[in-house]
Amino acid sequence: MIERSQHQLRKAFGDLLQGTVCKFAASVFDPISVRLASDLGFEVAIQGGSVASLQVLGAPDIALLTLDEYVEQVSRVGRASQIPVIGDADDGFGNALNVMRTVTELQKAGVAALTLEDTHLPAKYDLQSHVLIDSEEAAAKIYAARFARSDDALSIIARTNVAVTTLDDSIARTTAYQRAGADAICLVGVKDFQHLESLTSHLCVPIILINYGNPALSDVEKLSAANVRIVVNGHGPYLSAIEATYEALREQCGLERSELSLSELLSKYTLSDNYREWAKSYLKSEHYSN
């Protein structure tokens, strides 16, 4: 097999965005998983930030992972991959200047594209839903990311969560991100095709969906016709690997299969209760304001 360069992989990703058919992205987390994905016929992959947090820190996805830690993990995948890999750059690890550093480092790590979301990270204490930053600030991050890339084939993808704000606000945000030069718009929280149409009728750039297996958005022909070019259906492979590892270790200890659900397993071994207590102790201003 002829190996493709990073630039060629980025061009291949751009071709997917400009194509006419929706593709499903493989969730990968190490060299073996990305080789498996390629061999099985996937044309694009994603290294999720939440997966990296689990794998590198054994911690929940609460913005504890640093840029250097994420870049190191992505580099391992990038070196082995012969399909384009999308990097999950969260909020860019800071402001627009931090975004520029993030783009530089992830480009060196070999990603073909990266997503930049407009979520306020790290989250403030005890918020019940995601809080989005001002759309002007988020658009400035997209503009800065485009300036920072040295390979114009690297795709900059603006990501927003439409489930935590109004339809009008989502439309205003994605309009601003398209104007700032985003190569694609990534949407989280779309309910169905009617909702998708309302959210995207004003857009010219391709759409990426973070879908988590929503059956109301499973029709590939309709997705393709709606200018959706890539769908990410969660990160099941790594979660399955956690479950399989746990059961294999139990078997080696002579124990029966566990009755813990996946959510219980993750909560126990990512120390979720500890992080909740630490957040209560150190993030609640009433504890230290006096």
C-alpha atoms as a PDB file:
ATOM      1  CA  MET A   1       0.000   0.000   0.000  1.00  0.00           C
ATOM      2  CA  ILE A   2       1.311   3.451  -0.939  1.00  0.00           C
ATOM      3  CA  GLU A   3       1.436   5.676   2.117  1.00  0.00           C
ATOM      4  CA  ARG A   4      -0.270   9.042   1.855  1.00  0.00           C
ATOM      5  CA  SER A   5       1.366  12.184   3.261  1.00  0.00           C
ATOM      6  CA  GLN A   6      -0.327  14.421   5.796  1.00  0.00           C
ATOM      7  CA  HIS A   7      -1.098  16.911   3.044  1.00  0.00           C
ATOM      8  CA  GLN A   8      -2.613  14.177   0.884  1.00  0.00           C
ATOM      9  CA  LEU A   9      -4.778  13.024   3.790  1.00  0.00           C
ATOM     10  CA  ARG A  10      -5.966  16.592   4.291  1.00  0.00           C
ATOM     11  CA  LYS A  11      -6.801  16.859   0.615  1.00  0.00           C
ATOM     12  CA  ALA A  12      -8.698  13.567   0.881  1.00  0.00           C
ATOM     13  CA  PHE A  13     -10.710  14.989   3.779  1.00  0.00           C
ATOM     14  CA  GLY A  14     -11.465  18.107   1.759  1.00  0.00           C
ATOM     15  CA  ASP A  15     -12.679  15.882  -1.066  1.00  0.00           C
ATOM     16  CA  LEU A  16     -15.059  14.161   1.383  1.00  0.00           C
ATOM     17  CA  LEU A  17     -16.441  17.547   2.427  1.00  0.00           C
ATOM     18  CA  GLN A  18     -16.935  18.587  -1.187  1.00  0.00           C
ATOM     19  CA  GLY A  19     -18.408  15.242  -2.212  1.00  0.00           C
ATOM     20  CA  THR A  20     -22.048  14.223  -2.473  1.00  0.00           C
ATOM     21  CA  VAL A  21     -22.250  11.292  -0.032  1.00  0.00           C
ATOM     22  CA  CYS A  22     -22.441  11.233   3.763  1.00  0.00           C
ATOM     23  CA  LYS A  23     -19.699   9.182   5.446  1.00  0.00           C
ATOM     24  CA  PHE A  24     -19.539   7.795   8.991  1.00  0.00           C
ATOM     25  CA  ALA A  25     -16.418   8.550  10.994  1.00  0.00           C
ATOM     26  CA  ALA A  26     -14.685   5.796  12.942  1.00  0.00           C
ATOM     27  CA  SER A  27     -13.965   6.657  16.573  1.00  0.00           C
ATOM     28  CA  VAL A  28     -10.300   5.748  17.088  1.00  0.00           C
ATOM     29  CA  PHE A  29      -7.920   6.016  20.008  1.00  0.00           C
ATOM     30  CA  ASP A  30      -4.575   4.390  19.130  1.00  0.00           C
ATOM     31  CA  PRO A  31      -2.558   3.091  16.152  1.00  0.00           C
ATOM     32  CA  ILE A  32      -4.245  -0.325  16.132  1.00  0.00           C
ATOM     33  CA  SER A  33      -7.771   1.095  16.165  1.00  0.00           C
ATOM     34  CA  VAL A  34      -7.101   3.480  13.269  1.00  0.00           C
ATOM     35  CA  ARG A  35      -5.540   0.668  11.226  1.00  0.00           C
ATOM     36  CA  LEU A  36      -8.577  -1.497  11.955  1.00  0.00           C
ATOM     37  CA  ALA A  37     -10.871   1.323  10.840  1.00  0.00           C
ATOM     38  CA  SER A  38      -8.981   1.792   7.590  1.00  0.00           C
ATOM     39  CA  ASP A  39      -8.946  -1.939   6.856  1.00  0.00           C
ATOM     40  CA  LEU A  40     -12.708  -2.129   7.469  1.00  0.00           C
ATOM     41  CA  GLY A  41     -13.347   0.539   4.868  1.00  0.00           C
ATOM     42  CA  PHE A  42     -13.808   3.724   6.892  1.00  0.00           C
ATOM     43  CA  GLU A  43     -12.695   6.799   4.962  1.00  0.00           C
ATOM     44  CA  VAL A  44     -12.398   9.140   7.935  1.00  0.00           C
ATOM     45  CA  ALA A  45     -11.746   8.858  11.678  1.00  0.00           C
ATOM     46  CA  ILE A  46     -11.979  11.019  14.777  1.00  0.00           C
ATOM     47  CA  GLN A  47      -9.932  11.094  17.974  1.00  0.00           C
ATOM     48  CA  GLY A  48     -12.424  12.275  20.575  1.00  0.00           C
ATOM     49  CA  GLY A  49     -11.333  14.525  23.415  1.00  0.00           C
ATOM     50  CA  SER A  50     -13.482  12.583  25.857  1.00  0.00           C
ATOM     51  CA  VAL A  51     -11.788   9.352  24.770  1.00  0.00           C
ATOM     52  CA  ALA A  52      -8.347  10.913  25.196  1.00  0.00           C
ATOM     53  CA  SER A  53      -9.301  12.068  28.692  1.00  0.00           C
ATOM     54  CA  LEU A  54     -10.302   8.528  29.604  1.00  0.00           C
ATOM     55  CA  GLN A  55      -7.241   6.952  28.058  1.00  0.00           C
ATOM     56  CA  VAL A  56      -4.592   9.448  29.190  1.00  0.00           C
ATOM     57  CA  LEU A  57      -5.954  10.544  32.576  1.00  0.00           C
ATOM     58  CA  GLY A  58      -8.599   7.994  33.501  1.00  0.00           C
ATOM     59  CA  ALA A  59     -10.741  11.045  34.173  1.00  0.00           C
ATOM     60  CA  PRO A  60     -14.177  12.244  33.054  1.00  0.00           C
ATOM     61  CA  ASP A  61     -14.497  14.713  30.199  1.00  0.00           C
ATOM     62  CA  ILE A  62     -14.385  17.908  32.268  1.00  0.00           C
ATOM     63  CA  ALA A  63     -11.607  19.828  30.474  1.00  0.00           C
ATOM     64  CA  LEU A  64      -8.741  18.422  32.563  1.00  0.00           C
ATOM     65  CA  LEU A  65      -6.756  17.210  29.557  1.00  0.00           C
ATOM     66  CA  THR A  66      -4.034  19.633  28.433  1.00  0.00           C
ATOM     67  CA  LEU A  67      -3.140  20.512  24.871  1.00  0.00           C
ATOM     68  CA  ASP A  68       0.235  18.741  25.131  1.00  0.00           C
ATOM     69  CA  GLU A  69      -1.407  15.548  26.410  1.00  0.00           C
ATOM     70  CA  TYR A  70      -3.972  15.556  23.632  1.00  0.00           C
ATOM     71  CA  VAL A  71      -1.398  16.318  20.943  1.00  0.00           C
ATOM     72  CA  GLU A  72       0.804  13.454  22.137  1.00  0.00           C
ATOM     73  CA  GLN A  73      -2.110  11.037  21.907  1.00  0.00           C
ATOM     74  CA  VAL A  74      -3.188  12.280  18.484  1.00  0.00           C
ATOM     75  CA  SER A  75       0.386  12.044  17.211  1.00  0.00           C
ATOM     76  CA  ARG A  76       0.394   8.295  17.853  1.00  0.00           C
ATOM     77  CA  VAL A  77      -2.784   7.923  15.817  1.00  0.00           C
ATOM     78  CA  GLY A  78      -1.580  10.307  13.106  1.00  0.00           C
ATOM     79  CA  ARG A  79       1.674   8.432  12.563  1.00  0.00           C
ATOM     80  CA  ALA A  80      -0.193   5.179  11.907  1.00  0.00           C
ATOM     81  CA  SER A  81      -3.182   6.466   9.984  1.00  0.00           C
ATOM     82  CA  GLN A  82      -3.760   6.233   6.276  1.00  0.00           C
ATOM     83  CA  ILE A  83      -7.214   7.773   6.506  1.00  0.00           C
ATOM     84  CA  PRO A  84      -7.904  11.414   7.477  1.00  0.00           C
ATOM     85  CA  VAL A  85      -8.219  11.982  11.228  1.00  0.00           C
ATOM     86  CA  ILE A  86     -10.350  14.732  12.781  1.00  0.00           C
ATOM     87  CA  GLY A  87      -8.927  16.219  15.975  1.00  0.00           C
ATOM     88  CA  ASP A  88     -11.293  17.331  18.748  1.00  0.00           C
ATOM     89  CA  ALA A  89      -9.756  20.651  19.781  1.00  0.00           C
ATOM     90  CA  ASP A  90     -12.516  21.483  22.301  1.00  0.00           C
ATOM     91  CA  ASP A  91     -12.568  25.284  22.706  1.00  0.00           C
ATOM     92  CA  GLY A  92      -9.021  25.604  21.372  1.00  0.00           C
ATOM     93  CA  PHE A  93      -7.647  25.356  24.916  1.00  0.00           C
ATOM     94  CA  GLY A  94      -8.194  29.055  25.592  1.00  0.00           C
ATOM     95  CA  ASN A  95      -8.680  32.281  23.695  1.00  0.00           C
ATOM     96  CA  ALA A  96      -7.925  33.045  20.047  1.00  0.00           C
ATOM     97  CA  LEU A  97      -4.171  33.180  20.688  1.00  0.00           C
ATOM     98  CA  ASN A  98      -4.313  29.773  22.376  1.00  0.00           C
ATOM     99  CA  VAL A  99      -6.268  28.538  19.362  1.00  0.00           C
ATOM    100  CA  MET A 100      -3.391  29.528  17.107  1.00  0.00           C
ATOM    101  CA  ARG A 101      -1.015  27.420  19.210  1.00  0.00           C
ATOM    102  CA  THR A 102      -3.504  24.547  19.181  1.00  0.00           C
ATOM    103  CA  VAL A 103      -3.753  24.607  15.392  1.00  0.00           C
ATOM    104  CA  THR A 104       0.028  24.636  15.029  1.00  0.00           C
ATOM    105  CA  GLU A 105       0.488  21.655  17.347  1.00  0.00           C
ATOM    106  CA  LEU A 106      -2.363  19.552  15.972  1.00  0.00           C
ATOM    107  CA  GLN A 107      -1.229  20.208  12.422  1.00  0.00           C
ATOM    108  CA  LYS A 108       2.211  18.835  13.346  1.00  0.00           C
ATOM    109  CA  ALA A 109       0.472  15.848  14.972  1.00  0.00           C
ATOM    110  CA  GLY A 110      -0.987  14.945  11.598  1.00  0.00           C
ATOM    111  CA  VAL A 111      -4.695  15.723  11.830  1.00  0.00           C
ATOM    112  CA  ALA A 112      -6.549  16.379   8.590  1.00  0.00           C
ATOM    113  CA  ALA A 113      -9.135  18.577  10.295  1.00  0.00           C
ATOM    114  CA  LEU A 114     -10.004  19.901  13.731  1.00  0.00           C
ATOM    115  CA  THR A 115     -13.190  21.020  15.434  1.00  0.00           C
ATOM    116  CA  LEU A 116     -13.392  24.201  17.496  1.00  0.00           C
ATOM    117  CA  GLU A 117     -16.462  24.488  19.695  1.00  0.00           C
ATOM    118  CA  ASP A 118     -18.103  27.563  21.187  1.00  0.00           C
ATOM    119  CA  THR A 119     -18.622  26.008  24.613  1.00  0.00           C
ATOM    120  CA  HIS A 120     -17.401  27.885  27.674  1.00  0.00           C
ATOM    121  CA  LEU A 121     -14.648  25.658  29.063  1.00  0.00           C
ATOM    122  CA  PRO A 122     -13.916  24.700  31.734  1.00  0.00           C
ATOM    123  CA  ALA A 123     -17.516  24.791  32.908  1.00  0.00           C
ATOM    124  CA  LYS A 124     -18.438  26.800  35.967  1.00  0.00           C
ATOM    125  CA  TYR A 125     -19.552  24.952  39.078  1.00  0.00           C
ATOM    126  CA  ASP A 126     -22.893  23.152  39.071  1.00  0.00           C
ATOM    127  CA  LEU A 127     -24.127  24.309  35.671  1.00  0.00           C
ATOM    128  CA  GLN A 128     -26.927  22.072  34.459  1.00  0.00           C
ATOM    129  CA  SER A 129     -26.264  22.626  30.763  1.00  0.00           C
ATOM    130  CA  HIS A 130     -23.539  23.777  28.434  1.00  0.00           C
ATOM    131  CA  VAL A 131     -22.880  27.512  28.321  1.00  0.00           C
ATOM    132  CA  LEU A 132     -21.806  28.979  24.991  1.00  0.00           C
ATOM    133  CA  ILE A 133     -19.370  31.849  24.618  1.00  0.00           C
ATOM    134  CA  ASP A 134     -20.258  34.956  22.658  1.00  0.00           C
ATOM    135  CA  SER A 135     -20.555  34.197  18.955  1.00  0.00           C
ATOM    136  CA  GLU A 136     -18.180  37.041  18.040  1.00  0.00           C
ATOM    137  CA  GLU A 137     -15.453  35.536  20.226  1.00  0.00           C
ATOM    138  CA  ALA A 138     -16.072  32.094  18.743  1.00  0.00           C
ATOM    139  CA  ALA A 139     -15.944  33.480  15.197  1.00  0.00           C
ATOM    140  CA  ALA A 140     -12.650  35.217  16.011  1.00  0.00           C
ATOM    141  CA  LYS A 141     -11.245  31.827  17.046  1.00  0.00           C
ATOM    142  CA  ILE A 142     -12.185  30.393  13.655  1.00  0.00           C
ATOM    143  CA  TYR A 143     -10.511  33.316  11.909  1.00  0.00           C
ATOM    144  CA  ALA A 144      -7.379  32.918  14.064  1.00  0.00           C
ATOM    145  CA  ALA A 145      -7.287  29.175  13.367  1.00  0.00           C
ATOM    146  CA  ARG A 146      -7.340  29.780   9.623  1.00  0.00           C
ATOM    147  CA  PHE A 147      -4.497  32.278   9.954  1.00  0.00           C
ATOM    148  CA  ALA A 148      -2.409  29.866  12.052  1.00  0.00           C
ATOM    149  CA  ARG A 149      -2.486  26.881   9.694  1.00  0.00           C
ATOM    150  CA  SER A 150       0.511  26.561   7.385  1.00  0.00           C
ATOM    151  CA  ASP A 151      -1.236  23.959   5.234  1.00  0.00           C
ATOM    152  CA  ASP A 152      -4.379  25.412   3.685  1.00  0.00           C
ATOM    153  CA  ALA A 153      -5.656  21.859   3.180  1.00  0.00           C
ATOM    154  CA  LEU A 154      -6.147  21.549   6.966  1.00  0.00           C
ATOM    155  CA  SER A 155      -9.903  21.898   7.534  1.00  0.00           C
ATOM    156  CA  ILE A 156     -11.145  24.162  10.328  1.00  0.00           C
ATOM    157  CA  ILE A 157     -14.561  23.040  11.569  1.00  0.00           C
ATOM    158  CA  ALA A 158     -16.776  25.221  13.757  1.00  0.00           C
ATOM    159  CA  ARG A 159     -18.779  23.189  16.275  1.00  0.00           C
ATOM    160  CA  THR A 160     -21.842  24.316  18.235  1.00  0.00           C
ATOM    161  CA  ASN A 161     -24.450  22.642  20.440  1.00  0.00           C
ATOM    162  CA  VAL A 162     -27.888  23.540  19.108  1.00  0.00           C
ATOM    163  CA  ALA A 163     -29.667  21.802  21.993  1.00  0.00           C
ATOM    164  CA  VAL A 164     -28.633  24.406  24.581  1.00  0.00           C
ATOM    165  CA  THR A 165     -29.780  27.572  22.837  1.00  0.00           C
ATOM    166  CA  THR A 166     -32.550  28.881  20.571  1.00  0.00           C
ATOM    167  CA  LEU A 167     -32.937  28.198  16.876  1.00  0.00           C
ATOM    168  CA  ASP A 168     -32.406  31.883  16.060  1.00  0.00           C
ATOM    169  CA  ASP A 169     -29.209  31.981  18.112  1.00  0.00           C
ATOM    170  CA  SER A 170     -27.882  28.817  16.453  1.00  0.00           C
ATOM    171  CA  ILE A 171     -28.571  30.307  13.019  1.00  0.00           C
ATOM    172  CA  ALA A 172     -26.833  33.548  13.974  1.00  0.00           C
ATOM    173  CA  ARG A 173     -23.840  31.626  15.314  1.00  0.00           C
ATOM    174  CA  THR A 174     -23.378  29.348  12.335  1.00  0.00           C
ATOM    175  CA  THR A 175     -23.802  32.312   9.968  1.00  0.00           C
ATOM    176  CA  ALA A 176     -20.981  34.083  11.805  1.00  0.00           C
ATOM    177  CA  TYR A 177     -18.771  30.988  11.736  1.00  0.00           C
ATOM    178  CA  GLN A 178     -19.319  30.491   8.018  1.00  0.00           C
ATOM    179  CA  ARG A 179     -18.475  34.160   7.428  1.00  0.00           C
ATOM    180  CA  ALA A 180     -15.292  33.743   9.495  1.00  0.00           C
ATOM    181  CA  GLY A 181     -14.145  31.067   7.061  1.00  0.00           C
ATOM    182  CA  ALA A 182     -15.066  27.737   8.658  1.00  0.00           C
ATOM    183  CA  ASP A 183     -14.616  24.900   6.178  1.00  0.00           C
ATOM    184  CA  ALA A 184     -17.582  23.050   7.708  1.00  0.00           C
ATOM    185  CA  ILE A 185     -20.101  23.412  10.516  1.00  0.00           C
ATOM    186  CA  CYS A 186     -20.408  20.665  13.133  1.00  0.00           C
ATOM    187  CA  LEU A 187     -23.756  20.432  14.923  1.00  0.00           C
ATOM    188  CA  VAL A 188     -24.507  18.667  18.192  1.00  0.00           C
ATOM    189  CA  GLY A 189     -28.048  18.099  19.436  1.00  0.00           C
ATOM    190  CA  VAL A 190     -30.020  18.006  16.165  1.00  0.00           C
ATOM    191  CA  LYS A 191     -33.358  16.276  16.761  1.00  0.00           C
ATOM    192  CA  ASP A 192     -34.527  15.195  13.313  1.00  0.00           C
ATOM    193  CA  PHE A 193     -34.452  16.144   9.634  1.00  0.00           C
ATOM    194  CA  GLN A 194     -36.958  18.967  10.063  1.00  0.00           C
ATOM    195  CA  HIS A 195     -34.782  20.450  12.783  1.00  0.00           C
ATOM    196  CA  LEU A 196     -31.718  19.967  10.583  1.00  0.00           C
ATOM    197  CA  GLU A 197     -33.350  21.802   7.690  1.00  0.00           C
ATOM    198  CA  SER A 198     -34.243  24.726   9.939  1.00  0.00           C
ATOM    199  CA  LEU A 199     -30.679  24.900  11.214  1.00  0.00           C
ATOM    200  CA  THR A 200     -28.849  24.646   7.897  1.00  0.00           C
ATOM    201  CA  SER A 201     -30.965  26.168   5.104  1.00  0.00           C
ATOM    202  CA  HIS A 202     -28.884  29.371   5.296  1.00  0.00           C
ATOM    203  CA  LEU A 203     -25.507  27.588   5.084  1.00  0.00           C
ATOM    204  CA  CYS A 204     -23.342  26.886   2.053  1.00  0.00           C
ATOM    205  CA  VAL A 205     -20.550  24.968   3.772  1.00  0.00           C
ATOM    206  CA  PRO A 206     -20.775  21.198   4.451  1.00  0.00           C
ATOM    207  CA  ILE A 207     -22.341  19.874   7.654  1.00  0.00           C
ATOM    208  CA  ILE A 208     -20.935  17.416  10.188  1.00  0.00           C
ATOM    209  CA  LEU A 209     -23.236  15.841  12.782  1.00  0.00           C
ATOM    210  CA  ILE A 210     -22.351  14.539  16.227  1.00  0.00           C
ATOM    211  CA  ASN A 211     -25.277  12.166  16.276  1.00  0.00           C
ATOM    212  CA  TYR A 212     -24.785   9.488  18.987  1.00  0.00           C
ATOM    213  CA  GLY A 213     -26.821   7.032  16.927  1.00  0.00           C
ATOM    214  CA  ASN A 214     -30.031   9.099  16.808  1.00  0.00           C
ATOM    215  CA  PRO A 215     -32.428   6.871  14.782  1.00  0.00           C
ATOM    216  CA  ALA A 216     -34.284   9.946  13.530  1.00  0.00           C
ATOM    217  CA  LEU A 217     -31.130  10.883  11.596  1.00  0.00           C
ATOM    218  CA  SER A 218     -30.028   7.531  10.239  1.00  0.00           C
ATOM    219  CA  ASP A 219     -31.124   7.775   6.603  1.00  0.00           C
ATOM    220  CA  VAL A 220     -27.885   8.125   4.635  1.00  0.00           C
ATOM    221  CA  GLU A 221     -29.602   9.301   1.457  1.00  0.00           C
ATOM    222  CA  LYS A 222     -31.450  12.060   3.314  1.00  0.00           C
ATOM    223  CA  LEU A 223     -28.285  13.029   5.168  1.00  0.00           C
ATOM    224  CA  SER A 224     -26.391  13.259   1.886  1.00  0.00           C
ATOM    225  CA  ALA A 225     -29.138  15.364   0.313  1.00  0.00           C
ATOM    226  CA  ALA A 226     -29.049  17.680   3.343  1.00  0.00           C
ATOM    227  CA  ASN A 227     -25.341  18.441   2.704  1.00  0.00           C
ATOM    228  CA  VAL A 228     -24.268  16.360   5.694  1.00  0.00           C
ATOM    229  CA  ARG A 229     -20.901  14.913   4.765  1.00  0.00           C
ATOM    230  CA  ILE A 230     -19.726  13.257   7.990  1.00  0.00           C
ATOM    231  CA  VAL A 231     -21.571  11.732  10.947  1.00  0.00           C
ATOM    232  CA  VAL A 232     -19.953  10.824  14.265  1.00  0.00           C
ATOM    233  CA  ASN A 233     -22.032   8.262  16.152  1.00  0.00           C
ATOM    234  CA  GLY A 234     -20.288   8.486  19.498  1.00  0.00           C
ATOM    235  CA  HIS A 235     -17.254   6.613  20.788  1.00  0.00           C
ATOM    236  CA  GLY A 236     -18.496   3.075  21.233  1.00  0.00           C
ATOM    237  CA  PRO A 237     -15.236   1.301  20.293  1.00  0.00           C
ATOM    238  CA  TYR A 238     -13.243   2.654  23.228  1.00  0.00           C
ATOM    239  CA  LEU A 239     -16.105   2.197  25.675  1.00  0.00           C
ATOM    240  CA  SER A 240     -16.410  -1.410  24.503  1.00  0.00           C
ATOM    241  CA  ALA A 241     -12.668  -1.802  25.054  1.00  0.00           C
ATOM    242  CA  ILE A 242     -13.061  -0.652  28.666  1.00  0.00           C
ATOM    243  CA  GLU A 243     -15.824  -3.177  29.280  1.00  0.00           C
ATOM    244  CA  ALA A 244     -13.845  -5.969  27.597  1.00  0.00           C
ATOM    245  CA  THR A 245     -10.714  -5.161  29.615  1.00  0.00           C
ATOM    246  CA  TYR A 246     -12.646  -5.191  32.872  1.00  0.00           C
ATOM    247  CA  GLU A 247     -14.238  -8.553  32.133  1.00  0.00           C
ATOM    248  CA  ALA A 248     -10.909 -10.057  30.997  1.00  0.00           C
ATOM    249  CA  LEU A 249      -9.249  -8.952  34.229  1.00  0.00           C
ATOM    250  CA  ARG A 250     -12.135 -10.344  36.291  1.00  0.00           C
ATOM    251  CA  GLU A 251     -11.794 -13.643  34.468  1.00  0.00           C
ATOM    252  CA  GLN A 252      -8.067 -13.748  35.237  1.00  0.00           C
ATOM    253  CA  CYS A 253      -8.922 -13.230  38.910  1.00  0.00           C
ATOM    254  CA  GLY A 254     -11.413 -16.091  38.786  1.00  0.00           C
ATOM    255  CA  LEU A 255     -14.412 -13.787  39.202  1.00  0.00           C
ATOM    256  CA  GLU A 256     -17.781 -14.069  37.513  1.00  0.00           C
ATOM    257  CA  ARG A 257     -18.954 -11.483  35.005  1.00  0.00           C
ATOM    258  CA  SER A 258     -19.719  -8.116  36.513  1.00  0.00           C
ATOM    259  CA  GLU A 259     -23.232  -6.743  36.895  1.00  0.00           C
ATOM    260  CA  LEU A 260     -21.983  -3.144  36.645  1.00  0.00           C
ATOM    261  CA  SER A 261     -23.448  -1.148  33.775  1.00  0.00           C
ATOM    262  CA  LEU A 262     -21.096   0.850  31.555  1.00  0.00           C
ATOM    263  CA  SER A 263     -22.105   4.105  33.220  1.00  0.00           C
ATOM    264  CA  GLU A 264     -21.449   2.593  36.661  1.00  0.00           C
ATOM    265  CA  LEU A 265     -18.104   1.258  35.484  1.00  0.00           C
ATOM    266  CA  LEU A 266     -17.063   4.649  34.139  1.00  0.00           C
ATOM    267  CA  SER A 267     -18.267   6.473  37.231  1.00  0.00           C
ATOM    268  CA  LYS A 268     -16.317   4.153  39.528  1.00  0.00           C
ATOM    269  CA  TYR A 269     -13.026   4.092  37.644  1.00  0.00           C
ATOM    270  CA  THR A 270     -12.901   7.710  36.482  1.00  0.00           C
ATOM    271  CA  LEU A 271     -13.337   8.765  40.130  1.00  0.00           C
ATOM    272  CA  SER A 272     -16.435  10.785  39.259  1.00  0.00           C
ATOM    273  CA  ASP A 273     -17.548  11.073  42.883  1.00  0.00           C
ATOM    274  CA  ASN A 274     -14.144  12.433  43.847  1.00  0.00           C
ATOM    275  CA  TYR A 275     -14.281  15.081  41.125  1.00  0.00           C
ATOM    276  CA  ARG A 276     -17.771  16.114  42.219  1.00  0.00           C
ATOM    277  CA  GLU A 277     -16.548  16.541  45.786  1.00  0.00           C
ATOM    278  CA  TRP A 278     -13.462  18.444  44.667  1.00  0.00           C
ATOM    279  CA  ALA A 279     -15.632  20.707  42.533  1.00  0.00           C
ATOM    280  CA  LYS A 280     -17.907  21.348  45.492  1.00  0.00           C
ATOM    281  CA  SER A 281     -14.921  22.112  47.713  1.00  0.00           C
ATOM    282  CA  TYR A 282     -12.831  24.243  45.382  1.00  0.00           C
ATOM    283  CA  LEU A 283     -15.119  25.694  42.716  1.00  0.00           C
ATOM    284  CA  LYS A 284     -17.974  26.982  44.878  1.00  0.00           C
ATOM    285  CA  SER A 285     -17.046  30.579  45.653  1.00  0.00           C
ATOM    286  CA  GLU A 286     -18.915  30.566  48.992  1.00  0.00           C
ATOM    287  CA  HIS A 287     -16.271  28.199  50.355  1.00  0.00           C
ATOM    288  CA  TYR A 288     -13.408  30.641  49.988  1.00  0.00           C
ATOM    289  CA  SER A 289     -14.880  34.109  49.438  1.00  0.00           C
ATOM    290  CA  ASN A 290     -14.546  34.913  53.134  1.00  0.00           C
END
